[in-house]
Amino acid sequence: MATVLDALMELAPVQNTELVDSYHRYVACLETVLTPEQQAAYAELLKRTGAVRVFDALTPDEMAGLDPDEAAIATAIIADGTTTLENRRVASLLNQQGLHDLAPDLSTPIAHAQADPTADG
């Protein structure tokens, strides 16, 4: 049976200390809010989708689109503030590594247009 930590470690080719530490903190939180069966289901979800969803960033339509097992996992994670923060931290660190496809619920950095210094205004 795959574990959540194994599934997270397999996601990213970049594995710096901060990211690995964040994985461990997230898994420790998950162990307090998810049943062993839910942890196994979440590990399979991570492997199948290849992404860490930020559950509290999902729209109501996205939440409604989750299957019942996934919705129960999302609800348990959202219900615990510390687990939610660790979920977001993992996604943020993946984004900092440029791995935006692994954390699709956080927006990709947007290039801001700079004002033209020669324009009248």
PDB file of N, CA and C in Angstrom:
ATOM      1  N   MET A   1       0.838  -1.176   0.000  1.00  0.00           N
ATOM      2  CA  MET A   1       0.000   0.000   0.000  1.00  0.00           C
ATOM      3  C   MET A   1       0.888   1.246   0.000  1.00  0.00           C
ATOM      4  N   ALA A   2       0.576   2.159  -0.898  1.00  0.00           N
ATOM      5  CA  ALA A   2       1.341   3.403  -0.985  1.00  0.00           C
ATOM      6  C   ALA A   2       0.998   4.298   0.196  1.00  0.00           C
ATOM      7  N   THR A   3       1.984   5.012   0.674  1.00  0.00           N
ATOM      8  CA  THR A   3       1.733   5.975   1.740  1.00  0.00           C
ATOM      9  C   THR A   3       1.690   7.369   1.139  1.00  0.00           C
ATOM     10  N   VAL A   4       1.117   8.291   1.881  1.00  0.00           N
ATOM     11  CA  VAL A   4       1.047   9.668   1.413  1.00  0.00           C
ATOM     12  C   VAL A   4       2.454  10.219   1.218  1.00  0.00           C
ATOM     13  N   LEU A   5       3.364   9.929   2.134  1.00  0.00           N
ATOM     14  CA  LEU A   5       4.730  10.423   1.999  1.00  0.00           C
ATOM     15  C   LEU A   5       5.376   9.882   0.721  1.00  0.00           C
ATOM     16  N   ASP A   6       5.213   8.599   0.451  1.00  0.00           N
ATOM     17  CA  ASP A   6       5.761   8.029  -0.792  1.00  0.00           C
ATOM     18  C   ASP A   6       5.192   8.738  -2.011  1.00  0.00           C
ATOM     19  N   ALA A   7       3.884   8.953  -2.010  1.00  0.00           N
ATOM     20  CA  ALA A   7       3.235   9.600  -3.150  1.00  0.00           C
ATOM     21  C   ALA A   7       3.744  11.024  -3.337  1.00  0.00           C
ATOM     22  N   LEU A   8       3.915  11.759  -2.242  1.00  0.00           N
ATOM     23  CA  LEU A   8       4.446  13.119  -2.338  1.00  0.00           C
ATOM     24  C   LEU A   8       5.876  13.123  -2.853  1.00  0.00           C
ATOM     25  N   MET A   9       6.686  12.211  -2.347  1.00  0.00           N
ATOM     26  CA  MET A   9       8.089  12.153  -2.760  1.00  0.00           C
ATOM     27  C   MET A   9       8.218  11.830  -4.249  1.00  0.00           C
ATOM     28  N   GLU A  10       7.288  11.067  -4.779  1.00  0.00           N
ATOM     29  CA  GLU A  10       7.332  10.703  -6.190  1.00  0.00           C
ATOM     30  C   GLU A  10       6.858  11.833  -7.102  1.00  0.00           C
ATOM     31  N   LEU A  11       6.152  12.799  -6.566  1.00  0.00           N
ATOM     32  CA  LEU A  11       5.600  13.882  -7.386  1.00  0.00           C
ATOM     33  C   LEU A  11       6.660  14.774  -8.014  1.00  0.00           C
ATOM     34  N   ALA A  12       7.586  15.224  -7.199  1.00  0.00           N
ATOM     35  CA  ALA A  12       8.484  16.287  -7.629  1.00  0.00           C
ATOM     36  C   ALA A  12       9.901  15.788  -7.870  1.00  0.00           C
ATOM     37  N   PRO A  13      10.451  16.130  -9.030  1.00  0.00           N
ATOM     38  CA  PRO A  13      11.842  15.769  -9.281  1.00  0.00           C
ATOM     39  C   PRO A  13      12.809  16.571  -8.408  1.00  0.00           C
ATOM     40  N   VAL A  14      12.375  17.743  -7.966  1.00  0.00           N
ATOM     41  CA  VAL A  14      13.179  18.592  -7.094  1.00  0.00           C
ATOM     42  C   VAL A  14      12.814  18.240  -5.670  1.00  0.00           C
ATOM     43  N   GLN A  15      13.800  17.874  -4.868  1.00  0.00           N
ATOM     44  CA  GLN A  15      13.517  17.494  -3.486  1.00  0.00           C
ATOM     45  C   GLN A  15      14.510  18.189  -2.560  1.00  0.00           C
ATOM     46  N   ASN A  16      14.265  19.464  -2.313  1.00  0.00           N
ATOM     47  CA  ASN A  16      15.153  20.165  -1.379  1.00  0.00           C
ATOM     48  C   ASN A  16      14.692  19.925   0.054  1.00  0.00           C
ATOM     49  N   THR A  17      15.519  20.286   0.997  1.00  0.00           N
ATOM     50  CA  THR A  17      15.249  20.023   2.406  1.00  0.00           C
ATOM     51  C   THR A  17      13.951  20.659   2.862  1.00  0.00           C
ATOM     52  N   GLU A  18      13.702  21.885   2.451  1.00  0.00           N
ATOM     53  CA  GLU A  18      12.488  22.581   2.884  1.00  0.00           C
ATOM     54  C   GLU A  18      11.237  21.864   2.372  1.00  0.00           C
ATOM     55  N   LEU A  19      11.252  21.407   1.133  1.00  0.00           N
ATOM     56  CA  LEU A  19      10.113  20.695   0.573  1.00  0.00           C
ATOM     57  C   LEU A  19       9.900  19.359   1.283  1.00  0.00           C
ATOM     58  N   VAL A  20      10.969  18.615   1.494  1.00  0.00           N
ATOM     59  CA  VAL A  20      10.856  17.317   2.176  1.00  0.00           C
ATOM     60  C   VAL A  20      10.357  17.513   3.615  1.00  0.00           C
ATOM     61  N   ASP A  21      10.873  18.528   4.308  1.00  0.00           N
ATOM     62  CA  ASP A  21      10.391  18.819   5.663  1.00  0.00           C
ATOM     63  C   ASP A  21       8.904  19.158   5.649  1.00  0.00           C
ATOM     64  N   SER A  22       8.483  19.906   4.640  1.00  0.00           N
ATOM     65  CA  SER A  22       7.080  20.269   4.515  1.00  0.00           C
ATOM     66  C   SER A  22       6.219  19.038   4.266  1.00  0.00           C
ATOM     67  N   TYR A  23       6.702  18.113   3.446  1.00  0.00           N
ATOM     68  CA  TYR A  23       5.990  16.848   3.236  1.00  0.00           C
ATOM     69  C   TYR A  23       5.782  16.127   4.571  1.00  0.00           C
ATOM     70  N   HIS A  24       6.836  16.054   5.368  1.00  0.00           N
ATOM     71  CA  HIS A  24       6.756  15.347   6.655  1.00  0.00           C
ATOM     72  C   HIS A  24       5.754  16.018   7.602  1.00  0.00           C
ATOM     73  N   ARG A  25       5.766  17.359   7.648  1.00  0.00           N
ATOM     74  CA  ARG A  25       4.809  18.072   8.507  1.00  0.00           C
ATOM     75  C   ARG A  25       3.370  17.822   8.032  1.00  0.00           C
ATOM     76  N   TYR A  26       3.172  17.860   6.716  1.00  0.00           N
ATOM     77  CA  TYR A  26       1.839  17.640   6.152  1.00  0.00           C
ATOM     78  C   TYR A  26       1.352  16.228   6.462  1.00  0.00           C
ATOM     79  N   VAL A  27       2.204  15.249   6.262  1.00  0.00           N
ATOM     80  CA  VAL A  27       1.839  13.855   6.541  1.00  0.00           C
ATOM     81  C   VAL A  27       1.516  13.674   8.026  1.00  0.00           C
ATOM     82  N   ALA A  28       2.284  14.285   8.896  1.00  0.00           N
ATOM     83  CA  ALA A  28       2.006  14.180  10.334  1.00  0.00           C
ATOM     84  C   ALA A  28       0.620  14.745  10.657  1.00  0.00           C
ATOM     85  N   CYS A  29       0.265  15.846  10.021  1.00  0.00           N
ATOM     86  CA  CYS A  29      -1.070  16.406  10.225  1.00  0.00           C
ATOM     87  C   CYS A  29      -2.146  15.479   9.665  1.00  0.00           C
ATOM     88  N   LEU A  30      -1.900  14.953   8.487  1.00  0.00           N
ATOM     89  CA  LEU A  30      -2.878  14.059   7.859  1.00  0.00           C
ATOM     90  C   LEU A  30      -3.150  12.841   8.725  1.00  0.00           C
ATOM     91  N   GLU A  31      -2.116  12.369   9.407  1.00  0.00           N
ATOM     92  CA  GLU A  31      -2.281  11.198  10.271  1.00  0.00           C
ATOM     93  C   GLU A  31      -3.219  11.471  11.436  1.00  0.00           C
ATOM     94  N   THR A  32      -3.416  12.744  11.770  1.00  0.00           N
ATOM     95  CA  THR A  32      -4.317  13.084  12.873  1.00  0.00           C
ATOM     96  C   THR A  32      -5.747  13.338  12.404  1.00  0.00           C
ATOM     97  N   VAL A  33      -5.954  13.619  11.115  1.00  0.00           N
ATOM     98  CA  VAL A  33      -7.300  13.965  10.641  1.00  0.00           C
ATOM     99  C   VAL A  33      -7.910  12.938   9.690  1.00  0.00           C
ATOM    100  N   LEU A  34      -7.089  12.057   9.131  1.00  0.00           N
ATOM    101  CA  LEU A  34      -7.594  11.053   8.196  1.00  0.00           C
ATOM    102  C   LEU A  34      -7.458   9.658   8.789  1.00  0.00           C
ATOM    103  N   THR A  35      -8.409   8.810   8.495  1.00  0.00           N
ATOM    104  CA  THR A  35      -8.313   7.406   8.890  1.00  0.00           C
ATOM    105  C   THR A  35      -7.227   6.744   8.045  1.00  0.00           C
ATOM    106  N   PRO A  36      -6.718   5.595   8.453  1.00  0.00           N
ATOM    107  CA  PRO A  36      -5.744   4.888   7.618  1.00  0.00           C
ATOM    108  C   PRO A  36      -6.277   4.616   6.202  1.00  0.00           C
ATOM    109  N   GLU A  37      -7.551   4.315   6.089  1.00  0.00           N
ATOM    110  CA  GLU A  37      -8.148   4.072   4.776  1.00  0.00           C
ATOM    111  C   GLU A  37      -8.149   5.347   3.936  1.00  0.00           C
ATOM    112  N   GLN A  38      -8.462   6.477   4.569  1.00  0.00           N
ATOM    113  CA  GLN A  38      -8.450   7.757   3.857  1.00  0.00           C
ATOM    114  C   GLN A  38      -7.029   8.142   3.456  1.00  0.00           C
ATOM    115  N   GLN A  39      -6.056   7.852   4.323  1.00  0.00           N
ATOM    116  CA  GLN A  39      -4.666   8.140   3.971  1.00  0.00           C
ATOM    117  C   GLN A  39      -4.257   7.346   2.734  1.00  0.00           C
ATOM    118  N   ALA A  40      -4.632   6.081   2.681  1.00  0.00           N
ATOM    119  CA  ALA A  40      -4.313   5.243   1.524  1.00  0.00           C
ATOM    120  C   ALA A  40      -5.017   5.771   0.274  1.00  0.00           C
ATOM    121  N   ALA A  41      -6.274   6.174   0.427  1.00  0.00           N
ATOM    122  CA  ALA A  41      -7.021   6.725  -0.709  1.00  0.00           C
ATOM    123  C   ALA A  41      -6.393   8.027  -1.185  1.00  0.00           C
ATOM    124  N   TYR A  42      -5.935   8.856  -0.242  1.00  0.00           N
ATOM    125  CA  TYR A  42      -5.297  10.121  -0.607  1.00  0.00           C
ATOM    126  C   TYR A  42      -3.978   9.863  -1.330  1.00  0.00           C
ATOM    127  N   ALA A  43      -3.218   8.891  -0.869  1.00  0.00           N
ATOM    128  CA  ALA A  43      -1.968   8.536  -1.547  1.00  0.00           C
ATOM    129  C   ALA A  43      -2.254   8.118  -2.987  1.00  0.00           C
ATOM    130  N   GLU A  44      -3.285   7.319  -3.176  1.00  0.00           N
ATOM    131  CA  GLU A  44      -3.656   6.891  -4.525  1.00  0.00           C
ATOM    132  C   GLU A  44      -4.116   8.074  -5.369  1.00  0.00           C
ATOM    133  N   LEU A  45      -4.846   8.992  -4.762  1.00  0.00           N
ATOM    134  CA  LEU A  45      -5.288  10.200  -5.460  1.00  0.00           C
ATOM    135  C   LEU A  45      -4.083  11.026  -5.921  1.00  0.00           C
ATOM    136  N   LEU A  46      -3.107  11.207  -5.036  1.00  0.00           N
ATOM    137  CA  LEU A  46      -1.898  11.948  -5.402  1.00  0.00           C
ATOM    138  C   LEU A  46      -1.170  11.278  -6.567  1.00  0.00           C
ATOM    139  N   LYS A  47      -1.079   9.966  -6.514  1.00  0.00           N
ATOM    140  CA  LYS A  47      -0.396   9.229  -7.585  1.00  0.00           C
ATOM    141  C   LYS A  47      -1.175   9.323  -8.893  1.00  0.00           C
ATOM    142  N   ARG A  48      -2.486   9.203  -8.807  1.00  0.00           N
ATOM    143  CA  ARG A  48      -3.318   9.209 -10.004  1.00  0.00           C
ATOM    144  C   ARG A  48      -3.345  10.583 -10.678  1.00  0.00           C
ATOM    145  N   THR A  49      -3.472  11.634  -9.873  1.00  0.00           N
ATOM    146  CA  THR A  49      -3.595  12.976 -10.443  1.00  0.00           C
ATOM    147  C   THR A  49      -2.247  13.658 -10.667  1.00  0.00           C
ATOM    148  N   GLY A  50      -1.240  13.235  -9.908  1.00  0.00           N
ATOM    149  CA  GLY A  50       0.062  13.885 -10.020  1.00  0.00           C
ATOM    150  C   GLY A  50       0.041  15.327  -9.556  1.00  0.00           C
ATOM    151  N   ALA A  51      -0.864  15.632  -8.628  1.00  0.00           N
ATOM    152  CA  ALA A  51      -0.995  17.012  -8.169  1.00  0.00           C
ATOM    153  C   ALA A  51      -1.426  17.065  -6.711  1.00  0.00           C
ATOM    154  N   VAL A  52      -0.993  18.128  -6.039  1.00  0.00           N
ATOM    155  CA  VAL A  52      -1.425  18.417  -4.674  1.00  0.00           C
ATOM    156  C   VAL A  52      -2.490  19.501  -4.787  1.00  0.00           C
ATOM    157  N   ARG A  53      -3.722  19.122  -4.536  1.00  0.00           N
ATOM    158  CA  ARG A  53      -4.817  20.095  -4.574  1.00  0.00           C
ATOM    159  C   ARG A  53      -4.819  20.891  -3.277  1.00  0.00           C
ATOM    160  N   VAL A  54      -5.106  22.168  -3.384  1.00  0.00           N
ATOM    161  CA  VAL A  54      -5.278  23.022  -2.214  1.00  0.00           C
ATOM    162  C   VAL A  54      -6.779  23.051  -1.962  1.00  0.00           C
ATOM    163  N   PHE A  55      -7.209  22.208  -1.056  1.00  0.00           N
ATOM    164  CA  PHE A  55      -8.635  21.944  -0.907  1.00  0.00           C
ATOM    165  C   PHE A  55      -9.446  23.168  -0.504  1.00  0.00           C
ATOM    166  N   ASP A  56      -8.880  24.053   0.328  1.00  0.00           N
ATOM    167  CA  ASP A  56      -9.668  25.219   0.721  1.00  0.00           C
ATOM    168  C   ASP A  56      -9.720  26.276  -0.381  1.00  0.00           C
ATOM    169  N   ALA A  57      -9.021  26.052  -1.489  1.00  0.00           N
ATOM    170  CA  ALA A  57      -9.071  26.970  -2.628  1.00  0.00           C
ATOM    171  C   ALA A  57     -10.033  26.481  -3.710  1.00  0.00           C
ATOM    172  N   LEU A  58     -10.605  25.299  -3.519  1.00  0.00           N
ATOM    173  CA  LEU A  58     -11.521  24.762  -4.515  1.00  0.00           C
ATOM    174  C   LEU A  58     -12.840  25.528  -4.481  1.00  0.00           C
ATOM    175  N   THR A  59     -13.403  25.725  -5.650  1.00  0.00           N
ATOM    176  CA  THR A  59     -14.715  26.362  -5.742  1.00  0.00           C
ATOM    177  C   THR A  59     -15.780  25.358  -5.302  1.00  0.00           C
ATOM    178  N   PRO A  60     -16.971  25.827  -4.991  1.00  0.00           N
ATOM    179  CA  PRO A  60     -18.050  24.887  -4.657  1.00  0.00           C
ATOM    180  C   PRO A  60     -18.306  23.872  -5.778  1.00  0.00           C
ATOM    181  N   ASP A  61     -18.214  24.295  -7.027  1.00  0.00           N
ATOM    182  CA  ASP A  61     -18.401  23.361  -8.141  1.00  0.00           C
ATOM    183  C   ASP A  61     -17.298  22.307  -8.175  1.00  0.00           C
ATOM    184  N   GLU A  62     -16.043  22.730  -7.903  1.00  0.00           N
ATOM    185  CA  GLU A  62     -14.944  21.768  -7.878  1.00  0.00           C
ATOM    186  C   GLU A  62     -15.122  20.778  -6.730  1.00  0.00           C
ATOM    187  N   MET A  63     -15.551  21.266  -5.574  1.00  0.00           N
ATOM    188  CA  MET A  63     -15.798  20.373  -4.438  1.00  0.00           C
ATOM    189  C   MET A  63     -16.915  19.378  -4.777  1.00  0.00           C
ATOM    190  N   ALA A  64     -17.968  19.866  -5.419  1.00  0.00           N
ATOM    191  CA  ALA A  64     -19.086  19.001  -5.793  1.00  0.00           C
ATOM    192  C   ALA A  64     -18.661  17.954  -6.815  1.00  0.00           C
ATOM    193  N   GLY A  65     -17.617  18.258  -7.588  1.00  0.00           N
ATOM    194  CA  GLY A  65     -17.139  17.337  -8.606  1.00  0.00           C
ATOM    195  C   GLY A  65     -16.248  16.226  -8.072  1.00  0.00           C
ATOM    196  N   LEU A  66     -15.857  16.322  -6.805  1.00  0.00           N
ATOM    197  CA  LEU A  66     -15.030  15.271  -6.205  1.00  0.00           C
ATOM    198  C   LEU A  66     -15.888  14.043  -5.939  1.00  0.00           C
ATOM    199  N   ASP A  67     -15.273  12.868  -6.058  1.00  0.00           N
ATOM    200  CA  ASP A  67     -16.039  11.670  -5.693  1.00  0.00           C
ATOM    201  C   ASP A  67     -16.205  11.669  -4.174  1.00  0.00           C
ATOM    202  N   PRO A  68     -17.125  10.875  -3.639  1.00  0.00           N
ATOM    203  CA  PRO A  68     -17.410  10.931  -2.192  1.00  0.00           C
ATOM    204  C   PRO A  68     -16.186  10.710  -1.300  1.00  0.00           C
ATOM    205  N   ASP A  69     -15.294   9.784  -1.664  1.00  0.00           N
ATOM    206  CA  ASP A  69     -14.092   9.556  -0.858  1.00  0.00           C
ATOM    207  C   ASP A  69     -13.180  10.776  -0.872  1.00  0.00           C
ATOM    208  N   GLU A  70     -12.997  11.361  -2.055  1.00  0.00           N
ATOM    209  CA  GLU A  70     -12.157  12.554  -2.172  1.00  0.00           C
ATOM    210  C   GLU A  70     -12.780  13.717  -1.414  1.00  0.00           C
ATOM    211  N   ALA A  71     -14.093  13.870  -1.497  1.00  0.00           N
ATOM    212  CA  ALA A  71     -14.777  14.951  -0.788  1.00  0.00           C
ATOM    213  C   ALA A  71     -14.610  14.802   0.725  1.00  0.00           C
ATOM    214  N   ALA A  72     -14.661  13.564   1.222  1.00  0.00           N
ATOM    215  CA  ALA A  72     -14.461  13.333   2.661  1.00  0.00           C
ATOM    216  C   ALA A  72     -13.041  13.700   3.077  1.00  0.00           C
ATOM    217  N   ILE A  73     -12.076  13.377   2.239  1.00  0.00           N
ATOM    218  CA  ILE A  73     -10.677  13.730   2.522  1.00  0.00           C
ATOM    219  C   ILE A  73     -10.529  15.242   2.525  1.00  0.00           C
ATOM    220  N   ALA A  74     -11.071  15.894   1.500  1.00  0.00           N
ATOM    221  CA  ALA A  74     -10.984  17.355   1.406  1.00  0.00           C
ATOM    222  C   ALA A  74     -11.637  18.023   2.607  1.00  0.00           C
ATOM    223  N   THR A  75     -12.797  17.530   2.986  1.00  0.00           N
ATOM    224  CA  THR A  75     -13.519  18.107   4.120  1.00  0.00           C
ATOM    225  C   THR A  75     -12.728  17.951   5.417  1.00  0.00           C
ATOM    226  N   ALA A  76     -12.128  16.797   5.617  1.00  0.00           N
ATOM    227  CA  ALA A  76     -11.323  16.571   6.830  1.00  0.00           C
ATOM    228  C   ALA A  76     -10.111  17.493   6.858  1.00  0.00           C
ATOM    229  N   ILE A  77      -9.480  17.694   5.719  1.00  0.00           N
ATOM    230  CA  ILE A  77      -8.311  18.573   5.658  1.00  0.00           C
ATOM    231  C   ILE A  77      -8.719  20.016   5.914  1.00  0.00           C
ATOM    232  N   ILE A  78      -9.793  20.461   5.267  1.00  0.00           N
ATOM    233  CA  ILE A  78     -10.262  21.841   5.430  1.00  0.00           C
ATOM    234  C   ILE A  78     -10.689  22.112   6.868  1.00  0.00           C
ATOM    235  N   ALA A  79     -11.244  21.110   7.538  1.00  0.00           N
ATOM    236  CA  ALA A  79     -11.754  21.288   8.902  1.00  0.00           C
ATOM    237  C   ALA A  79     -10.647  21.529   9.926  1.00  0.00           C
ATOM    238  N   ASP A  80      -9.424  21.183   9.593  1.00  0.00           N
ATOM    239  CA  ASP A  80      -8.312  21.359  10.530  1.00  0.00           C
ATOM    240  C   ASP A  80      -7.393  22.464  10.009  1.00  0.00           C
ATOM    241  N   GLY A  81      -7.318  23.543  10.750  1.00  0.00           N
ATOM    242  CA  GLY A  81      -6.536  24.699  10.306  1.00  0.00           C
ATOM    243  C   GLY A  81      -5.072  24.398  10.071  1.00  0.00           C
ATOM    244  N   THR A  82      -4.451  23.617  10.941  1.00  0.00           N
ATOM    245  CA  THR A  82      -3.033  23.301  10.785  1.00  0.00           C
ATOM    246  C   THR A  82      -2.802  22.460   9.539  1.00  0.00           C
ATOM    247  N   THR A  83      -3.668  21.482   9.310  1.00  0.00           N
ATOM    248  CA  THR A  83      -3.521  20.635   8.124  1.00  0.00           C
ATOM    249  C   THR A  83      -3.728  21.456   6.865  1.00  0.00           C
ATOM    250  N   THR A  84      -4.684  22.375   6.899  1.00  0.00           N
ATOM    251  CA  THR A  84      -4.916  23.255   5.749  1.00  0.00           C
ATOM    252  C   THR A  84      -3.675  24.098   5.462  1.00  0.00           C
ATOM    253  N   LEU A  85      -3.063  24.635   6.512  1.00  0.00           N
ATOM    254  CA  LEU A  85      -1.844  25.435   6.315  1.00  0.00           C
ATOM    255  C   LEU A  85      -0.718  24.594   5.732  1.00  0.00           C
ATOM    256  N   GLU A  86      -0.567  23.372   6.201  1.00  0.00           N
ATOM    257  CA  GLU A  86       0.489  22.504   5.671  1.00  0.00           C
ATOM    258  C   GLU A  86       0.194  22.097   4.231  1.00  0.00           C
ATOM    259  N   ASN A  87      -1.086  21.897   3.899  1.00  0.00           N
ATOM    260  CA  ASN A  87      -1.492  21.617   2.522  1.00  0.00           C
ATOM    261  C   ASN A  87      -1.078  22.778   1.617  1.00  0.00           C
ATOM    262  N   ARG A  88      -1.355  23.993   2.058  1.00  0.00           N
ATOM    263  CA  ARG A  88      -0.988  25.178   1.279  1.00  0.00           C
ATOM    264  C   ARG A  88       0.535  25.346   1.200  1.00  0.00           C
ATOM    265  N   ARG A  89       1.239  25.030   2.288  1.00  0.00           N
ATOM    266  CA  ARG A  89       2.694  25.177   2.304  1.00  0.00           C
ATOM    267  C   ARG A  89       3.330  24.251   1.256  1.00  0.00           C
ATOM    268  N   VAL A  90       2.880  22.999   1.206  1.00  0.00           N
ATOM    269  CA  VAL A  90       3.413  22.064   0.208  1.00  0.00           C
ATOM    270  C   VAL A  90       3.175  22.609  -1.191  1.00  0.00           C
ATOM    271  N   ALA A  91       1.952  23.061  -1.454  1.00  0.00           N
ATOM    272  CA  ALA A  91       1.638  23.594  -2.782  1.00  0.00           C
ATOM    273  C   ALA A  91       2.484  24.833  -3.096  1.00  0.00           C
ATOM    274  N   SER A  92       2.650  25.702  -2.114  1.00  0.00           N
ATOM    275  CA  SER A  92       3.460  26.912  -2.320  1.00  0.00           C
ATOM    276  C   SER A  92       4.916  26.573  -2.627  1.00  0.00           C
ATOM    277  N   LEU A  93       5.462  25.625  -1.896  1.00  0.00           N
ATOM    278  CA  LEU A  93       6.852  25.237  -2.142  1.00  0.00           C
ATOM    279  C   LEU A  93       7.011  24.604  -3.518  1.00  0.00           C
ATOM    280  N   LEU A  94       6.042  23.825  -3.947  1.00  0.00           N
ATOM    281  CA  LEU A  94       6.097  23.269  -5.306  1.00  0.00           C
ATOM    282  C   LEU A  94       6.073  24.398  -6.331  1.00  0.00           C
ATOM    283  N   ASN A  95       5.224  25.389  -6.108  1.00  0.00           N
ATOM    284  CA  ASN A  95       5.176  26.528  -7.009  1.00  0.00           C
ATOM    285  C   ASN A  95       6.482  27.308  -7.005  1.00  0.00           C
ATOM    286  N   GLN A  96       7.101  27.461  -5.843  1.00  0.00           N
ATOM    287  CA  GLN A  96       8.389  28.166  -5.769  1.00  0.00           C
ATOM    288  C   GLN A  96       9.456  27.451  -6.577  1.00  0.00           C
ATOM    289  N   GLN A  97       9.315  26.145  -6.731  1.00  0.00           N
ATOM    290  CA  GLN A  97      10.267  25.366  -7.522  1.00  0.00           C
ATOM    291  C   GLN A  97       9.909  25.413  -9.011  1.00  0.00           C
ATOM    292  N   GLY A  98       8.850  26.155  -9.357  1.00  0.00           N
ATOM    293  CA  GLY A  98       8.418  26.248 -10.746  1.00  0.00           C
ATOM    294  C   GLY A  98       7.564  25.066 -11.182  1.00  0.00           C
ATOM    295  N   LEU A  99       7.081  24.285 -10.236  1.00  0.00           N
ATOM    296  CA  LEU A  99       6.297  23.086 -10.534  1.00  0.00           C
ATOM    297  C   LEU A  99       4.797  23.389 -10.394  1.00  0.00           C
ATOM    298  N   HIS A 100       4.336  24.368 -11.146  1.00  0.00           N
ATOM    299  CA  HIS A 100       2.962  24.852 -11.037  1.00  0.00           C
ATOM    300  C   HIS A 100       1.935  23.778 -11.391  1.00  0.00           C
ATOM    301  N   ASP A 101       2.278  22.869 -12.285  1.00  0.00           N
ATOM    302  CA  ASP A 101       1.336  21.816 -12.657  1.00  0.00           C
ATOM    303  C   ASP A 101       1.111  20.828 -11.512  1.00  0.00           C
ATOM    304  N   LEU A 102       2.017  20.790 -10.542  1.00  0.00           N
ATOM    305  CA  LEU A 102       1.855  19.895  -9.390  1.00  0.00           C
ATOM    306  C   LEU A 102       1.001  20.519  -8.287  1.00  0.00           C
ATOM    307  N   ALA A 103       0.747  21.812  -8.392  1.00  0.00           N
ATOM    308  CA  ALA A 103      -0.089  22.524  -7.418  1.00  0.00           C
ATOM    309  C   ALA A 103      -1.014  23.461  -8.192  1.00  0.00           C
ATOM    310  N   PRO A 104      -1.962  22.900  -8.936  1.00  0.00           N
ATOM    311  CA  PRO A 104      -2.755  23.695  -9.871  1.00  0.00           C
ATOM    312  C   PRO A 104      -3.722  24.688  -9.243  1.00  0.00           C
ATOM    313  N   ASP A 105      -3.986  24.584  -7.965  1.00  0.00           N
ATOM    314  CA  ASP A 105      -4.969  25.472  -7.349  1.00  0.00           C
ATOM    315  C   ASP A 105      -4.385  26.807  -6.906  1.00  0.00           C
ATOM    316  N   LEU A 106      -3.078  26.914  -6.930  1.00  0.00           N
ATOM    317  CA  LEU A 106      -2.445  28.203  -6.643  1.00  0.00           C
ATOM    318  C   LEU A 106      -2.133  28.849  -7.980  1.00  0.00           C
ATOM    319  N   SER A 107      -2.420  30.112  -8.088  1.00  0.00           N
ATOM    320  CA  SER A 107      -2.240  30.761  -9.379  1.00  0.00           C
ATOM    321  C   SER A 107      -0.768  30.848  -9.752  1.00  0.00           C
ATOM    322  N   THR A 108      -0.536  30.691 -11.013  1.00  0.00           N
ATOM    323  CA  THR A 108       0.805  30.846 -11.562  1.00  0.00           C
ATOM    324  C   THR A 108       1.183  32.312 -11.470  1.00  0.00           C
ATOM    325  N   PRO A 109       2.436  32.616 -11.166  1.00  0.00           N
ATOM    326  CA  PRO A 109       2.842  34.020 -11.094  1.00  0.00           C
ATOM    327  C   PRO A 109       2.494  34.755 -12.384  1.00  0.00           C
ATOM    328  N   ILE A 110       1.978  35.957 -12.217  1.00  0.00           N
ATOM    329  CA  ILE A 110       1.575  36.772 -13.359  1.00  0.00           C
ATOM    330  C   ILE A 110       2.617  37.851 -13.574  1.00  0.00           C
ATOM    331  N   ALA A 111       3.058  37.980 -14.828  1.00  0.00           N
ATOM    332  CA  ALA A 111       3.991  39.051 -15.161  1.00  0.00           C
ATOM    333  C   ALA A 111       3.202  40.352 -15.190  1.00  0.00           C
ATOM    334  N   HIS A 112       3.631  41.303 -14.403  1.00  0.00           N
ATOM    335  CA  HIS A 112       2.951  42.583 -14.350  1.00  0.00           C
ATOM    336  C   HIS A 112       3.519  43.512 -15.401  1.00  0.00           C
ATOM    337  N   ALA A 113       2.615  44.179 -16.089  1.00  0.00           N
ATOM    338  CA  ALA A 113       3.044  45.136 -17.117  1.00  0.00           C
ATOM    339  C   ALA A 113       3.651  46.337 -16.416  1.00  0.00           C
ATOM    340  N   GLN A 114       4.770  46.754 -16.923  1.00  0.00           N
ATOM    341  CA  GLN A 114       5.386  47.951 -16.362  1.00  0.00           C
ATOM    342  C   GLN A 114       4.927  49.154 -17.151  1.00  0.00           C
ATOM    343  N   ALA A 115       4.748  50.225 -16.453  1.00  0.00           N
ATOM    344  CA  ALA A 115       4.322  51.463 -17.116  1.00  0.00           C
ATOM    345  C   ALA A 115       5.414  51.952 -18.044  1.00  0.00           C
ATOM    346  N   ASP A 116       5.005  52.461 -19.167  1.00  0.00           N
ATOM    347  CA  ASP A 116       5.940  53.024 -20.137  1.00  0.00           C
ATOM    348  C   ASP A 116       6.369  54.387 -19.626  1.00  0.00           C
ATOM    349  N   PRO A 117       7.666  54.539 -19.280  1.00  0.00           N
ATOM    350  CA  PRO A 117       8.104  55.806 -18.690  1.00  0.00           C
ATOM    351  C   PRO A 117       8.030  56.974 -19.667  1.00  0.00           C
ATOM    352  N   THR A 118       7.900  56.709 -20.952  1.00  0.00           N
ATOM    353  CA  THR A 118       7.830  57.796 -21.946  1.00  0.00           C
ATOM    354  C   THR A 118       6.399  58.199 -22.221  1.00  0.00           C
ATOM    355  N   ALA A 119       5.438  57.457 -21.683  1.00  0.00           N
ATOM    356  CA  ALA A 119       4.028  57.777 -21.940  1.00  0.00           C
ATOM    357  C   ALA A 119       3.606  58.974 -21.100  1.00  0.00           C
ATOM    358  N   ASP A 120       2.708  59.768 -21.657  1.00  0.00           N
ATOM    359  CA  ASP A 120       2.163  60.901 -20.905  1.00  0.00           C
ATOM    360  C   ASP A 120       1.169  60.370 -19.898  1.00  0.00           C
ATOM    361  N   GLY A 121       1.075  60.936 -18.765  1.00  0.00           N
ATOM    362  CA  GLY A 121       0.089  60.450 -17.833  1.00  0.00           C
ATOM    363  C   GLY A 121       0.087  61.179 -16.632  1.00  0.00           C
TER     364      GLY A 121
END
